N, C-alpha and C. Protein backbone atom coordinates (compact mmCIF):
# COMPACT_ATOMS: atom_id res chain seq x y z
N UNK A 1 4.46 -21.40 -4.98
CA UNK A 1 3.49 -20.85 -4.03
C UNK A 1 3.84 -19.39 -3.78
N UNK A 2 2.89 -18.52 -3.99
CA UNK A 2 3.09 -17.09 -3.81
C UNK A 2 2.81 -16.63 -2.40
N UNK A 3 2.92 -15.33 -2.23
CA UNK A 3 2.61 -14.71 -0.94
C UNK A 3 1.33 -13.91 -1.06
N UNK A 4 0.65 -13.75 0.05
CA UNK A 4 -0.58 -12.97 0.12
C UNK A 4 -0.23 -11.65 0.78
N UNK A 5 -0.60 -10.56 0.10
CA UNK A 5 -0.34 -9.23 0.65
C UNK A 5 -1.66 -8.49 0.77
N UNK A 6 -1.96 -8.09 2.00
CA UNK A 6 -3.09 -7.20 2.25
C UNK A 6 -2.53 -5.79 2.23
N UNK A 7 -3.23 -4.92 1.55
CA UNK A 7 -2.68 -3.59 1.32
C UNK A 7 -3.69 -2.50 1.56
N UNK A 8 -3.29 -1.53 2.33
CA UNK A 8 -4.05 -0.30 2.54
C UNK A 8 -4.21 0.37 1.18
N UNK A 9 -5.34 1.01 0.90
CA UNK A 9 -5.51 1.71 -0.38
C UNK A 9 -4.41 2.75 -0.61
N UNK A 10 -3.86 2.75 -1.80
CA UNK A 10 -2.84 3.73 -2.16
C UNK A 10 -1.42 3.33 -1.85
N UNK A 11 -1.21 2.07 -1.45
CA UNK A 11 0.14 1.62 -1.09
C UNK A 11 0.97 1.17 -2.28
N UNK A 12 0.40 1.20 -3.48
CA UNK A 12 1.20 0.91 -4.66
C UNK A 12 0.98 -0.45 -5.29
N UNK A 13 -0.11 -1.11 -4.97
CA UNK A 13 -0.33 -2.43 -5.59
C UNK A 13 -0.59 -2.29 -7.10
N UNK A 14 -1.28 -1.24 -7.53
CA UNK A 14 -1.52 -1.04 -8.96
C UNK A 14 -0.21 -0.81 -9.70
N UNK A 15 0.68 -0.03 -9.10
CA UNK A 15 2.00 0.21 -9.70
C UNK A 15 2.73 -1.12 -9.87
N UNK A 16 2.75 -1.94 -8.83
CA UNK A 16 3.44 -3.22 -8.89
C UNK A 16 2.79 -4.13 -9.94
N UNK A 17 1.47 -4.08 -10.02
CA UNK A 17 0.77 -4.87 -11.03
C UNK A 17 1.17 -4.42 -12.43
N UNK A 18 1.33 -3.12 -12.62
CA UNK A 18 1.71 -2.59 -13.93
C UNK A 18 3.15 -2.94 -14.30
N UNK A 19 4.02 -3.03 -13.31
CA UNK A 19 5.43 -3.30 -13.60
C UNK A 19 5.77 -4.79 -13.54
N UNK A 20 5.00 -5.57 -12.81
CA UNK A 20 5.26 -7.01 -12.67
C UNK A 20 3.95 -7.80 -12.80
N UNK A 21 3.11 -7.42 -13.75
CA UNK A 21 1.75 -7.95 -13.88
C UNK A 21 1.65 -9.45 -14.02
N UNK A 22 2.63 -10.09 -14.64
CA UNK A 22 2.54 -11.54 -14.80
C UNK A 22 2.86 -12.27 -13.50
N UNK A 23 3.34 -11.55 -12.52
CA UNK A 23 3.70 -12.17 -11.25
C UNK A 23 2.69 -11.88 -10.14
N UNK A 24 1.80 -10.94 -10.38
CA UNK A 24 0.89 -10.50 -9.31
C UNK A 24 -0.56 -10.58 -9.77
N UNK A 25 -1.44 -10.83 -8.82
CA UNK A 25 -2.87 -10.93 -9.08
C UNK A 25 -3.60 -10.18 -7.97
N UNK A 26 -4.62 -9.45 -8.34
CA UNK A 26 -5.43 -8.73 -7.37
C UNK A 26 -6.73 -9.50 -7.17
N UNK A 27 -7.00 -9.90 -5.94
CA UNK A 27 -8.24 -10.59 -5.61
C UNK A 27 -8.93 -9.75 -4.53
N UNK A 28 -9.40 -8.57 -4.96
CA UNK A 28 -9.93 -7.66 -3.95
C UNK A 28 -11.33 -7.15 -4.24
N UNK A 29 -11.99 -7.72 -5.21
CA UNK A 29 -13.33 -7.24 -5.53
C UNK A 29 -14.37 -7.93 -4.67
N UNK A 30 -15.30 -7.17 -4.14
CA UNK A 30 -16.41 -7.73 -3.38
C UNK A 30 -17.48 -8.16 -4.38
N UNK A 31 -17.28 -9.28 -5.04
CA UNK A 31 -18.26 -9.76 -6.01
C UNK A 31 -18.82 -11.09 -5.55
N UNK A 32 -20.04 -11.40 -5.87
CA UNK A 32 -20.62 -12.67 -5.46
C UNK A 32 -19.80 -13.88 -5.92
N UNK A 33 -19.17 -13.78 -7.11
CA UNK A 33 -18.38 -14.90 -7.59
C UNK A 33 -17.18 -15.18 -6.69
N UNK A 34 -16.62 -14.13 -6.13
CA UNK A 34 -15.43 -14.29 -5.29
C UNK A 34 -15.75 -14.61 -3.84
N UNK A 35 -16.80 -14.04 -3.32
CA UNK A 35 -17.03 -14.17 -1.88
C UNK A 35 -18.35 -14.82 -1.53
N UNK A 36 -19.10 -15.24 -2.51
CA UNK A 36 -20.40 -15.85 -2.21
C UNK A 36 -21.39 -14.76 -1.84
N UNK A 37 -22.62 -15.03 -2.04
CA UNK A 37 -23.66 -14.06 -1.71
C UNK A 37 -24.86 -14.82 -1.21
N UNK A 38 -25.20 -14.58 0.02
CA UNK A 38 -26.32 -15.29 0.63
C UNK A 38 -27.66 -14.65 0.26
N UNK A 39 -27.60 -13.57 -0.52
CA UNK A 39 -28.81 -12.89 -0.92
C UNK A 39 -29.20 -11.78 0.04
N UNK A 40 -28.61 -11.77 1.23
CA UNK A 40 -28.93 -10.73 2.20
C UNK A 40 -27.80 -9.71 2.34
N UNK A 41 -26.89 -9.72 1.37
CA UNK A 41 -25.79 -8.76 1.38
C UNK A 41 -24.61 -9.16 2.25
N UNK A 42 -24.69 -10.34 2.86
CA UNK A 42 -23.57 -10.81 3.69
C UNK A 42 -22.70 -11.74 2.87
N UNK A 43 -21.40 -11.57 3.01
CA UNK A 43 -20.45 -12.37 2.25
C UNK A 43 -19.96 -13.54 3.05
N UNK A 44 -19.61 -14.60 2.35
CA UNK A 44 -19.00 -15.77 2.97
C UNK A 44 -17.49 -15.61 2.81
N UNK A 45 -16.84 -15.20 3.86
CA UNK A 45 -15.41 -14.92 3.79
C UNK A 45 -14.59 -16.19 3.62
N UNK A 46 -15.12 -17.33 4.01
CA UNK A 46 -14.42 -18.59 3.75
C UNK A 46 -14.34 -18.88 2.26
N UNK A 47 -15.40 -18.56 1.52
CA UNK A 47 -15.36 -18.73 0.06
C UNK A 47 -14.31 -17.80 -0.53
N UNK A 48 -14.26 -16.57 -0.03
CA UNK A 48 -13.26 -15.61 -0.50
C UNK A 48 -11.85 -16.14 -0.26
N UNK A 49 -11.60 -16.66 0.95
CA UNK A 49 -10.28 -17.20 1.26
C UNK A 49 -9.99 -18.42 0.39
N UNK A 50 -11.00 -19.27 0.14
CA UNK A 50 -10.80 -20.41 -0.76
C UNK A 50 -10.36 -19.94 -2.14
N UNK A 51 -10.99 -18.88 -2.64
CA UNK A 51 -10.62 -18.33 -3.95
C UNK A 51 -9.20 -17.76 -3.94
N UNK A 52 -8.83 -17.12 -2.86
CA UNK A 52 -7.46 -16.61 -2.72
C UNK A 52 -6.48 -17.77 -2.77
N UNK A 53 -6.77 -18.82 -2.02
CA UNK A 53 -5.86 -19.97 -1.97
C UNK A 53 -5.80 -20.70 -3.31
N UNK A 54 -6.87 -20.62 -4.10
CA UNK A 54 -6.87 -21.24 -5.43
C UNK A 54 -5.93 -20.54 -6.39
N UNK A 55 -5.70 -19.23 -6.23
CA UNK A 55 -4.83 -18.51 -7.16
C UNK A 55 -3.43 -18.27 -6.62
N UNK A 56 -3.22 -18.44 -5.32
CA UNK A 56 -1.91 -18.12 -4.74
C UNK A 56 -0.81 -19.04 -5.28
N UNK A 57 -1.16 -20.22 -5.75
CA UNK A 57 -0.17 -21.10 -6.34
C UNK A 57 0.23 -20.71 -7.75
N UNK A 58 -0.59 -19.89 -8.40
CA UNK A 58 -0.34 -19.49 -9.78
C UNK A 58 0.39 -18.16 -9.92
N UNK A 59 0.47 -17.41 -8.84
CA UNK A 59 1.09 -16.07 -8.87
C UNK A 59 2.11 -15.94 -7.73
N UNK A 60 3.08 -15.08 -7.94
CA UNK A 60 4.07 -14.84 -6.90
C UNK A 60 3.51 -13.96 -5.78
N UNK A 61 2.60 -13.06 -6.14
CA UNK A 61 1.99 -12.15 -5.17
C UNK A 61 0.50 -12.09 -5.45
N UNK A 62 -0.29 -12.26 -4.40
CA UNK A 62 -1.74 -12.10 -4.51
C UNK A 62 -2.12 -10.97 -3.56
N UNK A 63 -2.70 -9.91 -4.12
CA UNK A 63 -3.12 -8.77 -3.32
C UNK A 63 -4.57 -8.93 -2.88
N UNK A 64 -4.80 -8.60 -1.62
CA UNK A 64 -6.14 -8.59 -1.05
C UNK A 64 -6.33 -7.28 -0.28
N UNK A 65 -7.56 -6.88 -0.04
CA UNK A 65 -7.78 -5.63 0.70
C UNK A 65 -7.57 -5.82 2.20
N UNK A 66 -7.67 -4.73 2.93
CA UNK A 66 -7.53 -4.77 4.39
C UNK A 66 -8.89 -4.95 5.06
N UNK A 67 -9.78 -5.68 4.43
CA UNK A 67 -11.11 -5.92 4.98
C UNK A 67 -10.99 -6.71 6.28
N UNK A 68 -11.53 -6.15 7.34
CA UNK A 68 -11.37 -6.71 8.68
C UNK A 68 -11.80 -8.18 8.77
N UNK A 69 -12.97 -8.50 8.27
CA UNK A 69 -13.47 -9.88 8.37
C UNK A 69 -12.65 -10.84 7.51
N UNK A 70 -12.14 -10.36 6.39
CA UNK A 70 -11.28 -11.19 5.56
C UNK A 70 -10.00 -11.55 6.30
N UNK A 71 -9.38 -10.56 6.94
CA UNK A 71 -8.16 -10.81 7.69
C UNK A 71 -8.42 -11.72 8.88
N UNK A 72 -9.56 -11.55 9.54
CA UNK A 72 -9.94 -12.44 10.64
C UNK A 72 -10.07 -13.88 10.16
N UNK A 73 -10.65 -14.05 8.97
CA UNK A 73 -10.81 -15.39 8.42
C UNK A 73 -9.45 -16.01 8.10
N UNK A 74 -8.53 -15.23 7.53
CA UNK A 74 -7.18 -15.74 7.29
C UNK A 74 -6.52 -16.16 8.59
N UNK A 75 -6.66 -15.32 9.63
CA UNK A 75 -6.06 -15.65 10.92
C UNK A 75 -6.69 -16.91 11.51
N UNK A 76 -8.01 -17.03 11.43
CA UNK A 76 -8.70 -18.20 11.98
C UNK A 76 -8.31 -19.48 11.26
N UNK A 77 -7.96 -19.36 9.99
CA UNK A 77 -7.57 -20.53 9.20
C UNK A 77 -6.05 -20.73 9.17
N UNK A 78 -5.33 -19.96 9.98
CA UNK A 78 -3.86 -20.07 10.09
C UNK A 78 -3.15 -19.92 8.74
N UNK A 79 -3.59 -18.93 7.97
CA UNK A 79 -2.98 -18.65 6.67
C UNK A 79 -2.12 -17.40 6.82
N UNK A 80 -0.86 -17.52 6.45
CA UNK A 80 0.08 -16.41 6.57
C UNK A 80 -0.19 -15.35 5.50
N UNK A 81 0.00 -14.10 5.88
CA UNK A 81 -0.11 -12.99 4.96
C UNK A 81 0.72 -11.83 5.49
N UNK A 82 1.11 -10.96 4.56
CA UNK A 82 1.80 -9.72 4.90
C UNK A 82 0.79 -8.60 4.75
N UNK A 83 0.98 -7.55 5.54
CA UNK A 83 0.10 -6.39 5.41
C UNK A 83 0.97 -5.14 5.34
N UNK A 84 0.74 -4.35 4.30
CA UNK A 84 1.46 -3.10 4.09
C UNK A 84 0.50 -1.95 4.33
N UNK A 85 0.96 -1.00 5.14
CA UNK A 85 0.10 0.14 5.46
C UNK A 85 0.97 1.32 5.91
N UNK A 86 0.44 2.52 5.73
CA UNK A 86 1.21 3.72 6.08
C UNK A 86 1.09 4.06 7.56
N UNK A 87 2.02 4.85 8.02
CA UNK A 87 1.88 5.43 9.36
C UNK A 87 0.88 6.59 9.26
N UNK A 88 0.35 6.99 10.39
CA UNK A 88 -0.66 8.04 10.40
C UNK A 88 -0.15 9.37 9.87
N UNK A 89 1.15 9.62 10.02
CA UNK A 89 1.66 10.91 9.57
C UNK A 89 1.76 11.03 8.05
N UNK A 90 1.41 9.96 7.31
CA UNK A 90 1.42 10.01 5.85
C UNK A 90 0.02 10.24 5.27
N UNK A 91 -0.93 10.54 6.12
CA UNK A 91 -2.33 10.73 5.70
C UNK A 91 -2.44 11.74 4.55
N UNK A 92 -1.82 12.91 4.71
CA UNK A 92 -1.91 13.96 3.69
C UNK A 92 -1.30 13.47 2.37
N UNK A 93 -0.17 12.80 2.43
CA UNK A 93 0.49 12.28 1.22
C UNK A 93 -0.43 11.30 0.49
N UNK A 94 -1.08 10.42 1.22
CA UNK A 94 -1.96 9.43 0.60
C UNK A 94 -3.18 10.09 -0.03
N UNK A 95 -3.76 11.06 0.66
CA UNK A 95 -4.91 11.77 0.11
C UNK A 95 -4.52 12.55 -1.15
N UNK A 96 -3.38 13.22 -1.11
CA UNK A 96 -2.92 13.96 -2.28
C UNK A 96 -2.68 13.03 -3.46
N UNK A 97 -2.12 11.84 -3.20
CA UNK A 97 -1.91 10.87 -4.27
C UNK A 97 -3.23 10.41 -4.87
N UNK A 98 -4.23 10.20 -4.02
CA UNK A 98 -5.54 9.77 -4.51
C UNK A 98 -6.17 10.85 -5.40
N UNK A 99 -6.03 12.10 -4.98
CA UNK A 99 -6.56 13.20 -5.78
C UNK A 99 -5.81 13.28 -7.11
N UNK A 100 -4.49 13.16 -7.06
CA UNK A 100 -3.67 13.23 -8.27
C UNK A 100 -4.01 12.08 -9.23
N UNK A 101 -4.31 10.90 -8.69
CA UNK A 101 -4.67 9.75 -9.53
C UNK A 101 -6.14 9.80 -9.97
N UNK A 102 -6.85 10.83 -9.49
CA UNK A 102 -8.27 11.00 -9.83
C UNK A 102 -9.12 9.82 -9.36
N UNK A 103 -8.87 9.42 -8.13
CA UNK A 103 -9.69 8.37 -7.52
C UNK A 103 -11.12 8.89 -7.38
N UNK A 104 -12.03 7.97 -7.23
CA UNK A 104 -13.42 8.36 -7.05
C UNK A 104 -13.57 9.23 -5.80
N UNK A 105 -14.41 10.22 -5.91
CA UNK A 105 -14.64 11.17 -4.81
C UNK A 105 -15.02 10.44 -3.52
N UNK A 106 -15.91 9.47 -3.61
CA UNK A 106 -16.34 8.73 -2.41
C UNK A 106 -15.19 7.96 -1.78
N UNK A 107 -14.29 7.41 -2.60
CA UNK A 107 -13.13 6.70 -2.07
C UNK A 107 -12.20 7.65 -1.31
N UNK A 108 -12.00 8.83 -1.89
CA UNK A 108 -11.15 9.83 -1.23
C UNK A 108 -11.78 10.25 0.10
N UNK A 109 -13.09 10.49 0.07
CA UNK A 109 -13.78 10.90 1.30
C UNK A 109 -13.72 9.81 2.37
N UNK A 110 -13.84 8.55 1.95
CA UNK A 110 -13.78 7.45 2.91
C UNK A 110 -12.40 7.37 3.55
N UNK A 111 -11.35 7.45 2.74
CA UNK A 111 -9.99 7.40 3.29
C UNK A 111 -9.74 8.62 4.17
N UNK A 112 -10.20 9.79 3.75
CA UNK A 112 -10.04 11.00 4.54
C UNK A 112 -10.69 10.82 5.92
N UNK A 113 -11.87 10.26 5.93
CA UNK A 113 -12.62 10.10 7.18
C UNK A 113 -12.05 8.97 8.05
N UNK A 114 -11.61 7.86 7.43
CA UNK A 114 -11.28 6.65 8.19
C UNK A 114 -9.79 6.33 8.27
N UNK A 115 -8.92 7.18 7.75
CA UNK A 115 -7.49 6.86 7.67
C UNK A 115 -6.93 6.40 9.02
N UNK A 116 -7.07 7.22 10.05
CA UNK A 116 -6.50 6.89 11.35
C UNK A 116 -7.13 5.63 11.94
N UNK A 117 -8.43 5.48 11.74
CA UNK A 117 -9.14 4.32 12.28
C UNK A 117 -8.64 3.02 11.63
N UNK A 118 -8.39 3.06 10.33
CA UNK A 118 -7.89 1.88 9.63
C UNK A 118 -6.48 1.54 10.10
N UNK A 119 -5.63 2.55 10.23
CA UNK A 119 -4.26 2.32 10.72
C UNK A 119 -4.30 1.74 12.13
N UNK A 120 -5.16 2.30 13.00
CA UNK A 120 -5.29 1.77 14.36
C UNK A 120 -5.74 0.31 14.36
N UNK A 121 -6.70 0.00 13.48
CA UNK A 121 -7.21 -1.37 13.41
C UNK A 121 -6.11 -2.34 12.97
N UNK A 122 -5.30 -1.92 12.00
CA UNK A 122 -4.19 -2.77 11.55
C UNK A 122 -3.15 -2.91 12.66
N UNK A 123 -2.82 -1.80 13.32
CA UNK A 123 -1.86 -1.85 14.43
C UNK A 123 -2.31 -2.84 15.50
N UNK A 124 -3.62 -2.97 15.70
CA UNK A 124 -4.16 -3.82 16.77
C UNK A 124 -4.19 -5.31 16.42
N UNK A 125 -3.94 -5.66 15.17
CA UNK A 125 -3.95 -7.08 14.79
C UNK A 125 -2.82 -7.79 15.51
N UNK A 126 -3.19 -8.84 16.20
CA UNK A 126 -2.19 -9.68 16.87
C UNK A 126 -2.41 -11.11 16.43
N UNK A 127 -1.57 -11.55 15.51
CA UNK A 127 -1.68 -12.89 14.97
C UNK A 127 -0.31 -13.36 14.51
N UNK A 128 -0.02 -14.62 14.76
CA UNK A 128 1.23 -15.19 14.28
C UNK A 128 1.25 -15.31 12.76
N UNK A 129 0.09 -15.18 12.13
CA UNK A 129 -0.01 -15.30 10.68
C UNK A 129 0.16 -13.98 9.95
N UNK A 130 0.14 -12.87 10.67
CA UNK A 130 0.19 -11.53 10.08
C UNK A 130 1.58 -10.93 10.25
N UNK A 131 2.17 -10.55 9.12
CA UNK A 131 3.48 -9.91 9.12
C UNK A 131 3.29 -8.47 8.66
N UNK A 132 3.40 -7.55 9.61
CA UNK A 132 3.11 -6.14 9.34
C UNK A 132 4.33 -5.41 8.79
N UNK A 133 4.05 -4.54 7.83
CA UNK A 133 5.07 -3.67 7.24
C UNK A 133 4.50 -2.26 7.26
N UNK A 134 4.82 -1.52 8.31
CA UNK A 134 4.33 -0.15 8.44
C UNK A 134 5.29 0.78 7.71
N UNK A 135 4.77 1.48 6.73
CA UNK A 135 5.59 2.35 5.89
C UNK A 135 5.54 3.77 6.45
N UNK A 136 6.61 4.16 7.12
CA UNK A 136 6.63 5.45 7.82
C UNK A 136 7.24 6.58 7.01
N UNK A 137 8.13 6.25 6.09
CA UNK A 137 8.83 7.29 5.35
C UNK A 137 8.05 7.69 4.10
N UNK A 138 7.99 8.99 3.84
CA UNK A 138 7.33 9.50 2.64
C UNK A 138 7.93 8.88 1.39
N UNK A 139 7.08 8.54 0.43
CA UNK A 139 7.55 7.95 -0.81
C UNK A 139 7.78 6.45 -0.76
N UNK A 140 7.60 5.83 0.40
CA UNK A 140 7.78 4.39 0.54
C UNK A 140 6.47 3.70 0.20
N UNK A 141 6.51 2.85 -0.83
CA UNK A 141 5.33 2.12 -1.28
C UNK A 141 5.72 0.68 -1.56
N UNK A 142 4.75 -0.16 -1.83
CA UNK A 142 5.02 -1.56 -2.10
C UNK A 142 5.97 -1.72 -3.28
N UNK A 143 5.77 -0.94 -4.32
CA UNK A 143 6.58 -1.05 -5.54
C UNK A 143 8.03 -0.68 -5.39
N UNK A 144 8.40 -0.01 -4.29
CA UNK A 144 9.81 0.29 -4.05
C UNK A 144 10.27 -0.23 -2.69
N UNK A 145 9.48 -1.12 -2.11
CA UNK A 145 9.84 -1.72 -0.82
C UNK A 145 10.98 -2.71 -1.03
N UNK A 146 12.03 -2.60 -0.24
CA UNK A 146 13.21 -3.44 -0.45
C UNK A 146 12.90 -4.93 -0.27
N UNK A 147 12.05 -5.28 0.69
CA UNK A 147 11.76 -6.71 0.88
C UNK A 147 10.96 -7.28 -0.29
N UNK A 148 10.03 -6.52 -0.85
CA UNK A 148 9.26 -6.98 -2.00
C UNK A 148 10.15 -7.07 -3.23
N UNK A 149 10.99 -6.06 -3.46
CA UNK A 149 11.88 -6.09 -4.61
C UNK A 149 12.87 -7.25 -4.51
N UNK A 150 13.37 -7.52 -3.30
CA UNK A 150 14.28 -8.64 -3.10
C UNK A 150 13.55 -9.96 -3.39
N UNK A 151 12.32 -10.08 -2.92
CA UNK A 151 11.51 -11.27 -3.17
C UNK A 151 11.33 -11.49 -4.68
N UNK A 152 10.96 -10.45 -5.41
CA UNK A 152 10.76 -10.56 -6.85
C UNK A 152 12.07 -10.89 -7.56
N UNK A 153 13.18 -10.24 -7.16
CA UNK A 153 14.47 -10.52 -7.78
C UNK A 153 14.92 -11.95 -7.53
N UNK A 154 14.69 -12.44 -6.31
CA UNK A 154 15.04 -13.83 -6.00
C UNK A 154 14.22 -14.80 -6.85
N UNK A 155 12.94 -14.50 -7.04
CA UNK A 155 12.10 -15.34 -7.88
C UNK A 155 12.60 -15.33 -9.32
N UNK A 156 12.98 -14.15 -9.81
CA UNK A 156 13.50 -14.03 -11.17
C UNK A 156 14.76 -14.86 -11.35
N UNK A 157 15.67 -14.81 -10.36
CA UNK A 157 16.91 -15.57 -10.42
C UNK A 157 16.62 -17.07 -10.39
N UNK A 158 15.68 -17.49 -9.56
CA UNK A 158 15.31 -18.90 -9.48
C UNK A 158 14.73 -19.38 -10.79
N UNK A 159 13.86 -18.57 -11.42
CA UNK A 159 13.26 -18.94 -12.69
C UNK A 159 14.30 -19.03 -13.79
N UNK A 160 15.27 -18.09 -13.79
CA UNK A 160 16.33 -18.12 -14.80
C UNK A 160 17.21 -19.35 -14.63
N UNK A 161 17.48 -19.74 -13.39
CA UNK A 161 18.29 -20.90 -13.10
C UNK A 161 17.59 -22.18 -13.56
N UNK A 162 16.27 -22.23 -13.39
CA UNK A 162 15.49 -23.42 -13.74
C UNK A 162 15.27 -23.56 -15.25
N UNK A 163 15.51 -22.49 -16.00
CA UNK A 163 15.26 -22.55 -17.46
C UNK A 163 16.42 -23.12 -18.21
């Protein structure tokens, strides 16, 4: 059984996927197959959570976005998840990284406009199911986070022992 990680854009989930791809899965696309589509543009977040739970047993880490209604649905269903996000003082670093990675212009503009609001919204989450990891130091990302690396190393040791 893997862990569910909700991640602020630019926190390093793509890097971790590239370095540990067989252990991680990204379930963050807003597609009708993943979240259901009622035809009126509204998503069924319970279907999305069902799909997340269907793959969490097959991967060590399942990444999901910081979509407010998705996180509310996880909380309402008492499903544990971790959330990684930057402190507000890292706004410039995150925007520069997005520009350097050649992210879509609209994505950069959205993060530029909503960075503080998203951080505030995450800070305000109060749930026994949510384990927050606020990354305050420059250069700190999921792919070099000590708790994530320890988790992956422990899994590797367990798999080697079982073989």
